[in-house]
Amino acid sequence: MAIVLQFDFKHKGPWGKVKANNLKTHAESITREPGFIWKIWTENSKT
């Protein structure tokens, strides 16, 4: 069974490449979770 899990949370910045670099270690650790297949990171600086 496929499951899609989405998290939305408020974030005051930084955005773009700075944000991506700051969260790289966290993103890499998520990929080591059992059964994990893929992830998509999105951002919306206006919300």
N, C-alpha and C. Protein backbone atom coordinates (compact mmCIF):
# COMPACT_ATOMS: atom_id res chain seq x y z
N MET A 1 0.84 -1.17 0.00
CA MET A 1 0.00 0.00 0.00
C MET A 1 0.89 1.24 0.00
N ALA A 2 0.63 2.16 -0.90
CA ALA A 2 1.37 3.43 -0.95
C ALA A 2 0.71 4.45 -0.03
N ILE A 3 1.53 5.21 0.65
CA ILE A 3 1.04 6.25 1.55
C ILE A 3 1.75 7.56 1.23
N VAL A 4 1.00 8.63 1.14
CA VAL A 4 1.57 9.96 0.95
C VAL A 4 1.40 10.72 2.26
N LEU A 5 2.47 11.24 2.77
CA LEU A 5 2.45 11.99 4.03
C LEU A 5 2.97 13.39 3.75
N GLN A 6 2.18 14.39 4.09
CA GLN A 6 2.56 15.78 3.83
C GLN A 6 2.58 16.56 5.13
N PHE A 7 3.64 17.34 5.31
CA PHE A 7 3.75 18.23 6.47
C PHE A 7 3.80 19.66 5.97
N ASP A 8 3.02 20.52 6.58
CA ASP A 8 3.08 21.96 6.31
C ASP A 8 3.43 22.64 7.62
N PHE A 9 4.42 23.50 7.59
CA PHE A 9 4.78 24.22 8.81
C PHE A 9 5.26 25.62 8.46
N LYS A 10 5.03 26.54 9.38
CA LYS A 10 5.45 27.92 9.18
C LYS A 10 6.96 28.01 9.29
N HIS A 11 7.53 28.81 8.42
CA HIS A 11 8.97 28.99 8.39
C HIS A 11 9.25 30.43 7.97
N LYS A 12 10.02 31.13 8.75
CA LYS A 12 10.30 32.55 8.47
C LYS A 12 11.50 32.76 7.57
N GLY A 13 12.13 31.71 7.13
CA GLY A 13 13.28 31.84 6.24
C GLY A 13 14.53 31.31 6.92
N PRO A 14 15.61 31.24 6.24
CA PRO A 14 15.87 31.72 4.89
C PRO A 14 15.22 30.82 3.84
N TRP A 15 15.27 31.27 2.60
CA TRP A 15 14.62 30.56 1.50
C TRP A 15 15.65 30.17 0.45
N GLY A 16 15.20 29.41 -0.54
CA GLY A 16 16.03 29.06 -1.70
C GLY A 16 17.23 28.21 -1.35
N LYS A 17 18.37 28.53 -1.97
CA LYS A 17 19.59 27.74 -1.80
C LYS A 17 20.09 27.75 -0.36
N VAL A 18 19.93 28.86 0.34
CA VAL A 18 20.37 28.93 1.73
C VAL A 18 19.58 27.93 2.57
N LYS A 19 18.26 27.90 2.37
CA LYS A 19 17.42 26.95 3.10
C LYS A 19 17.82 25.51 2.76
N ALA A 20 18.01 25.24 1.49
CA ALA A 20 18.38 23.89 1.06
C ALA A 20 19.69 23.45 1.70
N ASN A 21 20.67 24.32 1.73
CA ASN A 21 21.95 23.98 2.35
C ASN A 21 21.81 23.75 3.85
N ASN A 22 21.00 24.56 4.51
CA ASN A 22 20.80 24.43 5.95
C ASN A 22 20.09 23.13 6.32
N LEU A 23 19.21 22.65 5.46
CA LEU A 23 18.41 21.46 5.77
C LEU A 23 18.96 20.17 5.15
N LYS A 24 20.11 20.25 4.50
CA LYS A 24 20.65 19.08 3.79
C LYS A 24 20.86 17.88 4.71
N THR A 25 21.48 18.07 5.86
CA THR A 25 21.73 16.95 6.78
C THR A 25 20.42 16.32 7.23
N HIS A 26 19.44 17.14 7.55
CA HIS A 26 18.13 16.64 7.98
C HIS A 26 17.47 15.84 6.85
N ALA A 27 17.50 16.38 5.65
CA ALA A 27 16.89 15.70 4.50
C ALA A 27 17.56 14.35 4.24
N GLU A 28 18.88 14.31 4.35
CA GLU A 28 19.59 13.05 4.12
C GLU A 28 19.25 12.01 5.18
N SER A 29 19.03 12.43 6.43
CA SER A 29 18.70 11.47 7.48
C SER A 29 17.32 10.85 7.26
N ILE A 30 16.40 11.60 6.69
CA ILE A 30 15.06 11.08 6.41
C ILE A 30 15.12 9.92 5.42
N THR A 31 16.03 9.99 4.47
CA THR A 31 16.11 8.94 3.45
C THR A 31 16.56 7.59 4.02
N ARG A 32 17.08 7.57 5.23
CA ARG A 32 17.51 6.30 5.84
C ARG A 32 16.40 5.60 6.62
N GLU A 33 15.21 6.17 6.63
CA GLU A 33 14.08 5.55 7.33
C GLU A 33 13.64 4.28 6.59
N PRO A 34 13.33 3.21 7.32
CA PRO A 34 12.90 1.96 6.68
C PRO A 34 11.66 2.17 5.80
N GLY A 35 11.71 1.65 4.59
CA GLY A 35 10.58 1.74 3.67
C GLY A 35 10.48 3.04 2.92
N PHE A 36 11.38 3.97 3.21
CA PHE A 36 11.32 5.27 2.55
C PHE A 36 11.68 5.13 1.08
N ILE A 37 10.90 5.79 0.20
CA ILE A 37 11.13 5.70 -1.24
C ILE A 37 11.60 7.03 -1.81
N TRP A 38 10.88 8.11 -1.56
CA TRP A 38 11.26 9.42 -2.09
C TRP A 38 10.63 10.53 -1.29
N LYS A 39 11.12 11.75 -1.52
CA LYS A 39 10.57 12.93 -0.86
C LYS A 39 10.58 14.10 -1.83
N ILE A 40 9.69 15.04 -1.60
CA ILE A 40 9.64 16.29 -2.36
C ILE A 40 9.61 17.41 -1.34
N TRP A 41 10.51 18.35 -1.47
CA TRP A 41 10.54 19.52 -0.58
C TRP A 41 9.99 20.71 -1.37
N THR A 42 9.03 21.38 -0.80
CA THR A 42 8.48 22.58 -1.43
C THR A 42 8.60 23.75 -0.47
N GLU A 43 8.49 24.95 -1.00
CA GLU A 43 8.49 26.12 -0.13
C GLU A 43 7.58 27.18 -0.73
N ASN A 44 6.99 27.95 0.16
CA ASN A 44 6.14 29.06 -0.26
C ASN A 44 6.41 30.20 0.71
N SER A 45 7.23 31.14 0.31
CA SER A 45 7.64 32.23 1.20
C SER A 45 6.50 33.21 1.49
N LYS A 46 5.38 33.08 0.79
CA LYS A 46 4.25 33.99 0.99
C LYS A 46 3.23 33.48 2.00
N THR A 47 3.43 32.27 2.50
CA THR A 47 2.46 31.73 3.48
C THR A 47 3.08 31.56 4.83
